[in-house]
Protein backbone atom coordinates (compact mmCIF):
# COMPACT_ATOMS: atom_id res chain seq x y z
CA MET A 1 0.05 -13.12 -23.61
CA LEU A 2 3.05 -15.39 -23.24
CA PRO A 3 2.78 -19.08 -24.14
CA ILE A 4 1.99 -21.21 -21.14
CA HIS A 5 5.48 -22.71 -20.86
CA LEU A 6 7.14 -19.28 -21.03
CA GLU A 7 4.67 -17.90 -18.50
CA MET A 8 5.44 -20.81 -16.19
CA TRP A 9 9.18 -20.26 -16.54
CA SER A 10 8.78 -16.54 -15.87
CA LYS A 11 6.79 -17.27 -12.71
CA LEU A 12 9.39 -19.75 -11.48
CA ARG A 13 12.21 -17.28 -12.12
CA ASP A 14 10.38 -14.43 -10.37
CA GLY A 15 9.49 -16.77 -7.50
CA PHE A 16 13.10 -17.83 -7.01
CA VAL A 17 14.34 -14.23 -7.05
CA ALA A 18 11.51 -13.24 -4.67
CA VAL A 19 12.64 -15.93 -2.21
CA VAL A 20 16.21 -14.64 -2.41
CA ILE A 21 15.01 -11.07 -1.84
CA GLY A 22 12.88 -12.26 1.08
CA LEU A 23 15.80 -14.04 2.75
CA ALA A 24 18.05 -11.02 2.20
CA ALA A 25 15.32 -8.85 3.72
CA GLN A 26 15.20 -11.06 6.83
CA LEU A 27 18.96 -10.78 7.25
CA LEU A 28 18.78 -7.02 6.85
CA ILE A 29 15.93 -6.77 9.37
CA ALA A 30 17.85 -8.94 11.86
CA GLY A 31 20.93 -6.75 11.54
CA ILE A 32 18.98 -3.52 12.01
CA GLN A 33 17.03 -5.00 14.92
CA SER A 34 20.30 -5.95 16.64
CA ILE A 35 21.54 -2.36 16.32
CA LEU A 36 18.25 -0.96 17.61
CA GLU A 37 18.27 -3.26 20.63
CA GLU A 38 21.82 -2.30 21.51
CA SER A 39 20.85 1.39 21.22
CA ASP A 40 17.63 0.82 23.22
CA VAL A 41 15.54 2.30 20.38
CA ASP A 42 11.99 1.05 19.85
CA PHE A 43 11.37 1.39 16.11
CA PRO A 44 10.24 -1.13 13.46
CA PRO A 45 13.35 -2.54 11.74
CA SER A 46 11.37 -3.42 8.60
CA ILE A 47 10.56 0.26 8.01
CA LEU A 48 14.21 1.24 8.40
CA ALA A 49 15.21 -1.60 6.07
CA MET A 50 12.75 -0.31 3.47
CA ALA A 51 14.19 3.18 3.71
CA GLY A 52 17.72 1.78 3.54
CA VAL A 53 17.00 -0.20 0.35
CA PHE A 54 15.48 2.88 -1.25
CA ALA A 55 18.44 5.06 -0.26
CA LEU A 56 20.94 2.45 -1.49
CA LEU A 57 19.32 2.12 -4.91
CA LEU A 58 18.92 5.87 -5.19
CA THR A 59 22.61 6.40 -4.43
CA CYS A 60 23.72 3.68 -6.83
CA GLY A 61 21.46 5.11 -9.52
CA CYS A 62 23.22 8.45 -9.29
CA PHE A 63 26.59 6.90 -10.17
CA LEU A 64 25.69 3.78 -12.16
CA PRO A 65 23.43 4.46 -15.16
CA GLY A 66 22.51 0.79 -15.58
CA VAL A 67 20.78 0.43 -12.19
CA ASP A 68 17.34 1.35 -13.51
CA GLY A 69 17.55 -1.12 -16.37
CA PHE A 70 18.78 -3.88 -14.04
CA TYR A 71 15.88 -3.23 -11.69
CA ARG A 72 13.28 -3.42 -14.44
CA ARG A 73 14.73 -6.57 -15.98
CA HIS A 74 15.48 -8.59 -12.86
CA LEU A 75 13.84 -7.08 -9.75
CA GLN A 76 10.55 -5.51 -10.76
CA GLY A 77 8.71 -8.82 -11.29
CA PRO A 78 9.86 -10.41 -8.01
CA ALA A 79 9.05 -7.19 -6.11
CA ASN A 80 5.52 -7.26 -7.56
CA LEU A 81 5.20 -10.92 -6.56
CA LEU A 82 6.25 -10.20 -2.97
CA ASN A 83 3.85 -7.30 -2.81
CA ARG A 84 1.00 -9.47 -4.11
CA HIS A 85 1.42 -12.05 -1.35
CA MET A 86 2.59 -9.91 1.56
CA SER A 87 -1.01 -9.28 2.57
CA ILE A 88 -1.20 -12.83 3.90
CA GLY A 89 0.54 -11.41 6.97
CA PHE A 90 -2.45 -9.18 7.72
CA THR A 91 -4.62 -12.21 8.38
CA ILE A 92 -2.76 -13.03 11.61
CA PRO A 93 -3.58 -9.82 13.55
CA PHE A 94 -7.18 -10.27 12.44
CA VAL A 95 -7.28 -13.82 13.83
CA MET A 96 -5.59 -12.69 17.06
CA ILE A 97 -8.56 -10.44 17.74
CA CYS A 98 -10.07 -13.59 19.26
CA ARG A 99 -7.70 -13.13 22.23
CA SER A 100 -9.56 -10.03 23.38
CA GLU A 101 -12.40 -10.40 25.82
CA LEU A 102 -15.84 -9.91 24.34
CA ALA A 103 -17.15 -6.50 25.36
CA SER A 104 -20.74 -5.62 26.10
CA PRO A 105 -23.05 -4.69 23.20
CA GLU A 106 -23.10 -1.09 24.37
CA THR A 107 -19.30 -0.91 24.38
CA ILE A 108 -19.08 -2.54 20.95
CA GLY A 109 -21.57 0.00 19.63
CA LEU A 110 -19.54 2.89 21.02
CA ILE A 111 -16.33 1.49 19.54
CA ILE A 112 -17.97 1.15 16.13
CA LEU A 113 -19.40 4.66 16.34
CA CYS A 114 -16.07 6.18 17.30
CA PHE A 115 -14.27 4.11 14.65
CA VAL A 116 -16.65 5.24 11.90
CA LEU A 117 -16.65 8.91 12.90
CA THR A 118 -12.88 9.16 13.18
CA GLY A 119 -12.49 7.23 9.93
CA VAL A 120 -14.78 9.57 8.03
CA PHE A 121 -13.10 12.60 9.56
CA ASN A 122 -9.59 11.38 8.71
CA THR A 123 -10.58 10.43 5.18
CA VAL A 124 -12.24 13.75 4.41
CA LEU A 125 -9.51 15.76 6.13
CA SER A 126 -6.60 14.03 4.38
CA TYR A 127 -8.20 14.35 0.94
CA ALA A 128 -9.41 17.90 1.54
CA PHE A 129 -5.93 19.06 2.53
CA ALA A 130 -3.94 17.06 0.00
CA LEU A 131 -5.97 18.03 -3.07
CA PRO A 132 -5.72 21.85 -2.85
CA LEU A 133 -2.15 21.74 -1.55
CA GLN A 134 -0.99 19.62 -4.46
CA SER A 135 -3.03 21.82 -6.82
CA LEU A 136 -1.05 24.81 -5.59
CA MET A 137 2.17 22.85 -6.04
CA SER A 138 1.18 21.91 -9.57
CA ARG A 139 0.26 25.47 -10.51
CA TRP A 140 3.52 26.69 -9.00
CA THR A 141 5.41 24.27 -11.21
CA TYR A 142 3.27 25.22 -14.20
CA ARG A 143 3.80 28.96 -13.74
CA SER A 144 7.54 28.60 -13.20
CA GLU A 145 7.89 26.57 -16.39
CA ALA A 146 5.61 28.99 -18.25
CA ALA A 147 7.78 31.92 -17.09
CA GLU A 148 10.86 30.06 -18.33
CA ILE A 149 9.23 29.56 -21.71
CA ALA A 150 8.25 33.24 -21.86
CA ASP A 151 11.87 34.21 -21.20
CA ASP A 152 12.99 31.89 -23.98
CA ASP A 153 10.46 33.51 -26.30
CA ARG A 154 11.68 37.00 -25.48
CA LYS A 155 15.29 35.98 -26.06
CA GLY A 156 14.32 34.33 -29.33
CA LYS A 157 12.45 37.39 -30.53
CA SER A 158 15.35 39.72 -29.69
CA GLU A 159 17.72 37.48 -31.62
CA GLU A 160 15.33 37.41 -34.57
CA LYS A 161 15.25 41.21 -34.62
CA LYS A 162 19.05 41.30 -34.69
CA GLN A 163 19.34 38.67 -37.40
CA PRO A 164 16.06 38.54 -39.34
CA SER A 165 16.04 35.97 -42.07
CA PRO A 166 13.36 33.87 -43.72
CA GLY A 167 15.09 30.68 -42.53
CA ASN A 168 15.04 31.76 -38.89
CA LEU A 169 11.42 32.83 -39.12
CA GLU A 170 10.39 29.49 -40.56
CA LYS A 171 12.41 27.69 -37.88
CA GLY A 172 10.72 29.70 -35.14
CA ARG A 173 7.29 28.92 -36.52
CA ALA A 174 8.18 25.22 -36.58
CA ASN A 175 9.30 25.31 -32.95
CA LEU A 176 6.02 26.92 -31.91
CA THR A 177 3.99 24.26 -33.65
CA VAL A 178 2.48 21.78 -31.20
CA PRO A 179 0.03 18.94 -31.59
CA SER A 180 -3.57 20.05 -31.77
CA THR A 181 -4.36 18.00 -28.66
CA HIS A 182 -2.43 20.53 -26.55
CA LEU A 183 -3.86 23.78 -27.88
CA SER A 184 -6.72 24.31 -25.43
CA THR A 185 -6.43 24.91 -21.74
CA SER A 186 -9.32 22.58 -20.98
CA THR A 187 -7.71 19.75 -22.91
CA MET A 188 -4.39 20.25 -21.14
CA VAL A 189 -6.05 20.36 -17.73
CA SER A 190 -7.96 17.21 -18.53
CA HIS A 191 -4.67 15.51 -19.46
CA LEU A 192 -2.93 16.62 -16.28
CA THR A 193 -5.80 15.74 -13.96
CA SER A 194 -6.39 12.22 -15.17
CA ARG A 195 -4.31 9.14 -14.58
CA SER A 196 -4.18 5.80 -16.36
CA SER A 197 -7.03 4.42 -14.29
CA THR A 198 -8.33 4.18 -10.78
CA PRO A 199 -7.29 1.20 -8.65
CA ALA A 200 -10.58 -0.60 -9.18
CA GLU A 201 -10.66 0.09 -12.92
CA LYS A 202 -7.05 -0.95 -13.43
CA MET A 203 -7.55 -4.14 -11.45
CA LEU A 204 -10.51 -5.15 -13.61
CA ASN A 205 -9.16 -3.96 -16.94
CA ASP A 206 -5.68 -5.44 -16.55
CA ASP A 207 -6.99 -8.82 -15.48
CA ALA A 208 -9.60 -8.87 -18.24
CA ALA A 209 -6.97 -7.95 -20.83
CA ALA A 210 -4.62 -10.62 -19.48
CA GLU A 211 -7.17 -13.41 -19.74
CA GLU A 212 -6.26 -15.92 -22.41
CA THR A 213 -8.90 -17.74 -24.38
CA LEU A 214 -8.41 -21.33 -23.37
CA PRO A 215 -9.27 -24.32 -25.52
CA ALA A 216 -12.69 -25.87 -25.05
CA ASN A 217 -11.17 -29.21 -24.05
CA ARG A 218 -11.77 -29.68 -20.34
CA TRP A 219 -8.55 -31.60 -19.77
CA THR A 220 -6.49 -28.89 -21.45
CA THR A 221 -8.23 -26.23 -19.38
CA THR A 222 -7.46 -28.17 -16.20
CA CYS A 223 -3.79 -28.48 -17.17
CA HIS A 224 -3.60 -24.75 -17.83
CA PHE A 225 -5.13 -24.05 -14.42
CA ILE A 226 -2.64 -26.34 -12.67
CA LEU A 227 0.32 -24.79 -14.48
CA ARG A 228 -0.84 -21.30 -13.63
CA ASN A 229 -1.54 -22.11 -9.96
CA PRO A 230 1.18 -24.55 -8.88
CA MET A 231 1.35 -23.26 -5.28
CA LEU A 232 -2.41 -23.66 -4.83
CA ILE A 233 -2.29 -27.30 -5.92
CA LEU A 234 0.87 -28.01 -3.93
CA SER A 235 -0.57 -26.46 -0.75
CA TRP A 236 -3.74 -28.55 -0.84
CA LEU A 237 -1.77 -31.68 -1.73
CA LEU A 238 0.64 -31.25 1.19
CA LEU A 239 -2.28 -30.44 3.49
CA VAL A 240 -4.03 -33.73 2.73
CA VAL A 241 -1.02 -36.02 2.26
CA VAL A 242 1.32 -34.69 4.96
CA GLY A 243 -0.38 -32.07 7.16
CA LEU A 244 -3.38 -34.03 8.44
CA PRO A 245 -1.54 -37.33 9.11
CA LEU A 246 1.32 -35.49 10.81
CA ARG A 247 -1.07 -33.53 13.00
CA TYR A 248 -2.87 -36.61 14.33
CA ALA A 249 0.30 -38.72 14.60
CA THR A 250 2.51 -36.21 16.45
CA GLN A 251 -0.01 -33.63 17.76
CA HIS A 252 2.01 -30.83 16.12
CA ASP A 253 -0.08 -28.18 14.40
CA THR A 254 2.59 -26.08 12.67
CA PHE A 255 2.77 -27.87 9.33
CA LEU A 256 -1.00 -28.36 9.10
CA ALA A 257 -1.75 -24.73 9.92
CA THR A 258 0.92 -23.50 7.47
CA CYS A 259 -0.45 -25.62 4.62
CA LEU A 260 -4.02 -24.61 5.43
CA LEU A 261 -3.15 -20.91 5.58
CA SER A 262 -1.31 -20.97 2.26
CA ALA A 263 -3.95 -23.17 0.59
CA ILE A 264 -6.80 -20.87 1.58
CA TRP A 265 -4.79 -17.80 0.59
CA PHE A 266 -3.97 -19.07 -2.90
CA THR A 267 -7.53 -20.35 -3.33
CA THR A 268 -9.11 -17.00 -2.48
CA LEU A 269 -6.67 -15.23 -4.80
CA ALA A 270 -7.59 -17.62 -7.62
CA ILE A 271 -11.31 -17.14 -6.96
CA GLN A 272 -10.98 -13.37 -6.99
CA SER A 273 -8.90 -13.47 -10.17
CA GLY A 274 -11.46 -15.76 -11.81
CA VAL A 275 -14.30 -13.43 -10.85
CA LYS A 276 -12.47 -10.39 -12.17
CA THR A 277 -11.71 -12.02 -15.53
CA SER A 278 -15.04 -13.76 -16.01
CA GLN A 279 -16.78 -12.92 -19.27
CA HIS A 280 -20.07 -14.43 -18.09
CA LEU A 281 -20.81 -11.75 -15.49
CA ARG A 282 -22.08 -8.26 -16.01
CA PRO A 283 -19.47 -5.57 -15.21
CA SER A 284 -21.40 -4.30 -12.20
CA LEU A 285 -21.84 -7.82 -10.79
CA ARG A 286 -18.19 -8.63 -11.52
CA THR A 287 -17.10 -5.56 -9.57
CA LEU A 288 -19.38 -6.44 -6.67
CA LEU A 289 -18.24 -10.05 -6.42
CA SER A 290 -14.55 -9.20 -6.80
CA GLY A 291 -14.87 -6.77 -3.92
CA LEU A 292 -16.67 -9.31 -1.76
CA SER A 293 -14.06 -12.00 -2.45
CA ASN A 294 -11.35 -10.13 -0.54
CA PRO A 295 -8.53 -12.64 0.16
CA VAL A 296 -7.51 -11.12 3.50
CA LEU A 297 -11.06 -11.22 4.82
CA TRP A 298 -11.91 -14.76 3.77
CA THR A 299 -8.52 -16.20 4.72
CA SER A 300 -8.86 -14.63 8.16
CA LEU A 301 -12.38 -15.97 8.63
CA ALA A 302 -11.33 -19.43 7.46
CA MET A 303 -8.42 -19.52 9.91
CA ILE A 304 -10.72 -18.39 12.73
CA ALA A 305 -13.07 -21.25 11.82
CA TYR A 306 -10.10 -23.65 11.87
CA ILE A 307 -9.04 -22.44 15.32
CA PHE A 308 -12.51 -22.91 16.84
CA THR A 309 -13.00 -26.27 15.12
CA ASP A 310 -9.69 -27.61 16.40
CA CYS A 311 -10.57 -26.29 19.87
CA ALA A 312 -13.75 -28.37 19.81
CA ILE A 313 -12.07 -31.51 18.44
CA SER A 314 -8.94 -31.48 20.61
CA SER A 315 -10.59 -30.02 23.74
CA ARG A 316 -7.89 -27.36 23.96
CA SER A 317 -8.58 -23.82 25.13
CA LEU A 318 -8.76 -20.91 22.70
CA PRO A 319 -5.57 -19.21 23.98
CA THR A 320 -3.67 -22.48 23.60
CA MET A 321 -4.82 -22.88 19.99
CA LEU A 322 -3.91 -19.29 19.19
CA ASP A 323 -0.44 -19.94 20.61
CA THR A 324 0.00 -22.75 18.11
CA LEU A 325 -0.73 -20.30 15.30
CA GLN A 326 1.69 -17.58 16.38
CA THR A 327 4.73 -17.77 18.66
CA HIS A 328 6.07 -14.25 17.89
CA ASN A 329 9.22 -15.73 16.33
CA THR A 330 9.53 -14.45 12.78
CA LEU A 331 12.43 -15.56 10.60
CA SER A 332 14.42 -12.43 11.41
CA GLU A 333 13.89 -13.09 15.14
CA LEU A 334 15.20 -16.64 14.74
CA ILE A 335 18.24 -15.40 12.83
CA LEU A 336 18.93 -12.90 15.59
CA ARG A 337 18.56 -15.53 18.30
CA LYS A 338 20.75 -17.98 16.42
CA ALA A 339 23.45 -15.34 16.07
CA ALA A 340 23.23 -14.72 19.81
CA GLY A 341 23.74 -18.44 20.51
CA THR A 342 20.16 -19.19 21.56
CA ILE A 343 18.87 -22.40 20.00
CA PRO A 344 15.12 -22.21 19.27
CA GLY A 345 12.82 -25.12 20.02
CA LYS A 346 11.23 -27.36 17.43
CA ASP A 347 7.97 -25.37 17.50
CA ALA A 348 9.65 -21.97 17.59
CA MET A 349 8.13 -20.81 14.29
CA ALA A 350 4.42 -21.25 13.59
CA ALA A 351 2.22 -20.57 10.56
CA GLY A 352 1.48 -17.03 11.68
CA ASP A 353 5.17 -16.28 12.08
CA ILE A 354 5.82 -17.43 8.51
CA ALA A 355 3.03 -15.17 7.27
CA LEU A 356 4.41 -12.22 9.23
CA SER A 357 7.89 -12.94 7.83
CA ILE A 358 6.43 -12.66 4.32
CA LEU A 359 4.78 -9.40 5.36
CA ASN A 360 8.08 -8.01 6.63
CA ALA A 361 9.84 -9.06 3.42
CA GLY A 362 7.12 -7.30 1.45
CA LEU A 363 7.59 -4.12 3.47
CA VAL A 364 11.33 -4.18 2.72
CA SER A 365 10.60 -4.77 -0.97
CA TRP A 366 8.67 -1.51 -0.98
CA GLY A 367 12.09 0.12 -1.01
CA LEU A 368 12.39 -1.26 -4.55
CA LYS A 369 8.98 0.12 -5.47
CA LEU A 370 9.84 3.51 -4.00
CA TYR A 371 12.93 3.56 -6.21
CA GLU A 372 10.74 2.76 -9.19
CA TYR A 373 8.67 5.88 -8.46
CA ARG A 374 11.56 8.00 -7.21
CA ARG A 375 10.89 10.90 -9.58
CA GLN A 376 7.43 11.43 -8.14
CA LEU A 377 8.52 11.09 -4.51
CA LEU A 378 11.41 13.55 -4.88
CA SER A 379 9.16 16.18 -6.44
CA ARG A 380 6.94 18.76 -4.77
CA ALA A 381 4.35 16.00 -4.32
CA GLY A 382 6.59 14.52 -1.63
CA LEU A 383 6.28 17.76 0.32
CA THR A 384 2.51 17.56 0.05
CA VAL A 385 2.51 13.99 1.35
CA PHE A 386 4.70 14.81 4.35
CA SER A 387 2.77 17.97 5.25
CA VAL A 388 -0.67 16.34 5.20
CA SER A 389 0.54 13.21 6.99
CA SER A 390 2.12 15.28 9.74
CA LEU A 391 -1.05 17.30 10.20
CA VAL A 392 -3.24 14.19 10.45
CA ALA A 393 -0.75 12.54 12.84
CA LEU A 394 -0.87 15.55 15.15
CA GLY A 395 -4.66 15.59 15.01
CA ASN A 396 -4.91 11.88 15.85
CA VAL A 397 -2.54 12.09 18.82
CA ALA A 398 -3.97 15.31 20.26
CA LEU A 399 -7.66 14.93 19.44
CA GLY A 400 -8.32 11.21 18.92
CA PRO A 401 -8.24 10.05 22.57
CA PRO A 402 -10.19 13.08 23.91
CA PHE A 403 -12.84 12.52 21.24
CA ALA A 404 -13.22 8.86 22.24
CA HIS A 405 -13.36 9.93 25.90
CA ALA A 406 -16.09 12.44 25.10
CA LEU A 407 -18.20 9.60 23.71
CA SER A 408 -17.76 7.79 27.06
CA LEU A 409 -15.90 4.91 25.45
CA GLY A 410 -13.53 4.20 28.34
CA PRO A 411 -11.45 2.92 29.96
CA ALA A 412 -8.40 5.06 29.25
CA GLY A 413 -6.62 2.31 27.28
CA ARG A 414 -9.40 2.17 24.70
CA ASP A 415 -9.44 5.94 24.36
CA LEU A 416 -5.67 6.09 23.88
CA ALA A 417 -5.82 3.42 21.16
CA PHE A 418 -7.32 6.09 18.88
CA ALA A 419 -4.06 8.05 18.99
CA ALA A 420 -2.73 5.52 16.46
CA ARG A 421 -6.06 4.64 14.90
CA SER A 422 -4.81 3.95 11.36
CA VAL A 423 -1.05 3.74 11.92
CA THR A 424 0.41 0.57 10.44
CA LEU A 425 0.89 -2.11 13.10
CA ALA A 426 4.68 -1.99 12.92
CA LEU A 427 4.74 1.71 13.83
CA GLY A 428 1.72 1.73 16.12
CA SER A 429 3.34 -0.45 18.77
CA PRO A 430 5.78 2.23 20.06
CA VAL A 431 2.93 4.75 20.27
CA LEU A 432 0.72 2.44 22.33
CA THR A 433 3.63 1.52 24.57
CA THR A 434 4.34 5.21 25.25
CA LEU A 435 0.75 6.23 25.90
CA GLY A 436 -0.57 2.96 27.35
CA GLY A 437 -3.20 2.28 24.71
CA ASP A 438 -5.10 -0.95 24.06
CA ALA A 439 -2.99 -2.85 21.50
CA GLY A 440 -5.76 -5.36 20.70
CA LEU A 441 -8.31 -2.68 19.89
CA ASN A 442 -5.76 -0.75 17.84
CA ALA A 443 -4.85 -3.84 15.78
CA THR A 444 -8.53 -4.50 15.17
CA MET A 445 -9.13 -0.98 13.91
CA VAL A 446 -6.09 -0.99 11.62
CA VAL A 447 -6.93 -4.35 10.04
CA VAL A 448 -10.66 -3.63 9.66
CA SER A 449 -9.91 -0.21 8.17
CA GLY A 450 -7.55 -1.79 5.64
CA ILE A 451 -10.12 -4.41 4.65
CA VAL A 452 -12.86 -1.79 4.32
CA PHE A 453 -10.70 0.34 2.02
CA GLN A 454 -9.64 -2.68 -0.06
CA MET A 455 -13.25 -3.74 -0.53
CA GLY A 456 -14.38 -0.18 -1.16
CA LEU A 457 -11.82 0.22 -3.93
CA GLY A 458 -12.87 -3.14 -5.32
CA PHE A 459 -16.50 -2.02 -5.37
CA GLY A 460 -15.52 1.04 -7.42
CA ALA A 461 -16.00 3.64 -4.69
CA GLY A 462 -12.62 5.15 -5.55
CA ALA A 463 -13.51 5.36 -9.24
CA TRP A 464 -16.80 7.10 -8.48
CA LEU A 465 -15.24 9.61 -6.09
CA GLU A 466 -12.33 10.35 -8.36
CA GLY A 467 -14.65 10.94 -11.30
CA LYS A 468 -16.61 13.52 -9.32
CA VAL A 469 -13.51 15.29 -8.00
CA THR A 470 -11.71 15.22 -11.34
CA GLY A 471 -14.63 17.00 -12.98
CA LEU A 472 -14.60 19.71 -10.32
CA VAL A 473 -10.83 20.13 -10.54
CA ALA A 474 -10.95 20.32 -14.33
CA ARG A 475 -13.59 23.06 -14.25
CA TRP A 476 -11.65 24.93 -11.57
CA GLY A 477 -8.47 24.61 -13.60
CA VAL A 478 -10.12 25.97 -16.73
CA MET A 479 -11.44 29.02 -14.95
CA GLU A 480 -8.17 29.72 -13.20
CA GLY A 481 -6.11 29.26 -16.32
CA SER A 482 -8.31 31.25 -18.71
CA ASN A 483 -6.19 34.40 -18.43
CA ASP A 484 -2.89 32.66 -19.09
CA ASP A 485 -1.04 33.18 -22.31
CA PRO A 486 -2.40 30.60 -24.79
CA GLU A 487 0.88 30.48 -26.67
CA ALA A 488 2.80 29.77 -23.46
CA GLN A 489 0.29 27.09 -22.56
CA SER A 490 0.78 25.45 -25.92
CA ARG A 491 4.55 25.59 -25.63
CA LEU A 492 4.38 24.14 -22.10
CA ALA A 493 2.14 21.32 -23.28
CA GLY A 494 4.56 20.51 -26.07
CA ARG A 495 7.49 20.48 -23.66
CA THR A 496 5.56 18.28 -21.23
CA ALA A 497 4.73 15.80 -23.97
CA SER A 498 8.29 15.71 -25.23
CA THR A 499 9.81 15.06 -21.81
CA THR A 500 7.43 12.26 -20.84
CA THR A 501 9.23 8.93 -20.45
CA THR A 502 8.14 5.39 -19.81
CA THR A 503 9.16 5.61 -16.18
CA THR A 504 7.32 8.78 -15.27
CA SER A 505 4.12 10.15 -16.71
CA THR A 506 2.89 13.67 -16.27
CA SER A 507 -0.30 12.38 -14.68
CA THR A 508 1.49 10.85 -11.70
CA ASP A 509 1.95 14.19 -9.97
CA ASP A 510 -1.54 15.48 -10.64
CA PRO A 511 -3.55 16.53 -7.58
CA THR A 512 -6.17 13.76 -7.70
CA THR A 513 -3.53 11.03 -7.90
CA VAL A 514 -1.50 12.45 -5.02
CA ALA A 515 -4.60 13.09 -2.90
CA ALA A 516 -5.86 9.54 -3.51
CA GLY A 517 -2.52 8.06 -2.49
CA VAL A 518 -2.31 10.20 0.65
CA THR A 519 -5.86 9.32 1.67
CA ILE A 520 -5.38 5.58 1.26
CA GLY A 521 -1.93 5.56 2.88
CA ILE A 522 -3.17 7.48 5.92
CA ASN A 523 -6.40 5.55 6.42
CA ALA A 524 -5.69 2.05 5.06
CA ALA A 525 -1.97 1.82 5.96
CA ALA A 526 -0.05 -1.14 4.56
CA MET A 527 -3.10 -3.07 3.37
CA GLY A 528 -4.32 -0.21 1.20
CA THR A 529 -0.82 0.45 -0.12
CA ALA A 530 -0.31 -3.22 -0.98
CA TYR A 531 -3.59 -3.14 -2.90
CA LEU A 532 -2.53 -0.10 -4.90
CA TYR A 533 0.80 -1.68 -5.80
CA GLU A 534 -0.99 -4.89 -6.79
CA VAL A 535 -3.23 -3.07 -9.28
CA LYS A 536 -0.28 -0.92 -10.45
CA SER A 537 -1.91 2.35 -9.46
CA ASP A 538 0.01 5.62 -9.91
CA ALA A 539 -1.10 6.55 -6.38
CA ALA A 540 0.81 3.66 -4.78
CA PRO A 541 4.13 5.42 -4.04
CA TYR A 542 2.36 8.37 -2.43
CA SER A 543 0.36 5.91 -0.32
CA ALA A 544 3.54 4.16 0.85
CA LEU A 545 5.22 7.47 1.66
CA SER A 546 2.19 8.83 3.53
CA MET A 547 1.88 5.57 5.50
CA MET A 548 5.49 5.90 6.64
CA ALA A 549 5.22 9.64 7.29
CA LEU A 550 2.01 9.21 9.33
CA GLY A 551 3.53 6.45 11.45
CA ILE A 552 6.83 8.22 12.01
CA MET A 553 5.23 11.54 12.91
CA THR A 554 2.75 9.78 15.22
CA VAL A 555 5.70 8.23 17.04
CA VAL A 556 7.40 11.62 17.19
CA PHE A 557 4.35 13.49 18.51
CA SER A 558 3.53 10.82 21.08
CA SER A 559 7.14 10.99 22.31
CA ILE A 560 6.90 14.69 23.15
CA PRO A 561 6.50 14.63 26.97
CA PRO A 562 4.21 17.68 27.40
CA LEU A 563 1.86 16.53 24.65
CA ALA A 564 1.83 12.91 25.82
CA VAL A 565 1.11 13.91 29.42
CA TRP A 566 -1.67 16.27 28.33
CA VAL A 567 -3.35 13.58 26.19
CA VAL A 568 -3.22 11.02 29.00
CA GLU A 569 -4.65 13.56 31.45
CA GLN A 570 -7.58 14.25 29.13
CA VAL A 571 -8.75 10.65 29.20
CA SER A 572 -7.79 9.88 32.81
CA PRO A 573 -7.89 13.11 34.85
CA ALA A 574 -7.01 11.26 38.05
CA VAL A 575 -3.56 10.35 36.73
């Protein structure tokens, strides 16, 4: 643990670099958006910016050997910081659910039923396809490397026959010697099918390990808390000293809402961190409470309470109050308008727009994280991710709306919203525009699904499921590999151990890790991916890639005229 002054300096440095990255991301998004508008292409510029950052770093890394070191020294910390706080942007779509008209209890029940059934189906389908497919990919890699080792052995033996000597024989025996931990097939399979930890375990273990024993003096403890949470203190201070007086003196809500949103966000993060690192709670209770203290959920509920409270105090309507929270003018939009010569008004950017700007900057920063895990993404695991994501996207577009229609959900807009049921909001908009789906219902499903997965991982559901599946995979692997050449297995294990680096571990491409990432990326979209990056899970890059692949392929499939017409006809035969 760093001393408190060094930790404070490190946070300030990472925060400054994160702000610079965020501003650069907004400029990049504005430039890409301008090109897309001129080309009349409806596609999220933040996703293209993310891909562009990844491609740029990947290209530079091929020619400049110092790129990886520069990233790890100067960019990795700020990228993690952006990823940690980007989820504040997910609170705004959740709050905007209040715009939708309240449906009847029967309709709400049908929506929940359809949401749960499609969610279970997608989760089981994505995991069930990803796990065996990646297992085949892994065994393909294993057998090809084993065949290469066998060829090397045959060449070595032929050379030894030509030039037999005691020195060569001793050298050959030394080369065949491997650590005892790699001699059995079961041990090797266990190594390849286990990762550092599950998301829930890593979140709890890392935070518990990072906790510093503070002095018993209450004043010293308070000072440590303030130094570690400067933005929390600053947000509440500005809220009380500036936000409230300004609101009642000028009737402008932007500064008050911004301070309140940030204050609640940092407070819920601090509470969750405190729960996770508490030594006074039993592990099971600590896991339960950390899952319940989800920052996105509680920040959203607090902002909803603020909106309704202000409605009652100021006698303003609910739509008017929601308009003060979001004006649909993110920072990139303002940059684009300024470049076009349009001067925005004084209330052009609201608290929700600031939060969404942070979300967009976080999405662009995923290009940095994808570069960090480039070796995994450019392996056969990337093919698994794309294949499964494409299959699920096709199933959602072709079967999602008819399934909702079969449950008599109706009208057609609600049915069509299930075509992009778990597609991240940035990519779901073009799909709903093409098919005519209900954007409000779709946003609700995406946000709720992300929160459910975040809380489920926090409760340890992922750890429990992975433990069960890992045991089955290990037993399957032992049976399948029992006829392989033990000497080749030992040589392969030795080679695997010798080629492992700090940037890529052999466990990152194992089937359970890839399947977990694909499942979370497909079903929890950006919220689930942000959670995995926050807890430094090996499944995070696969989740980000599957989220992008699912969204892109959903846009592609919904843009195919025969398929789109057929889907619309299934839910509205009169059209």
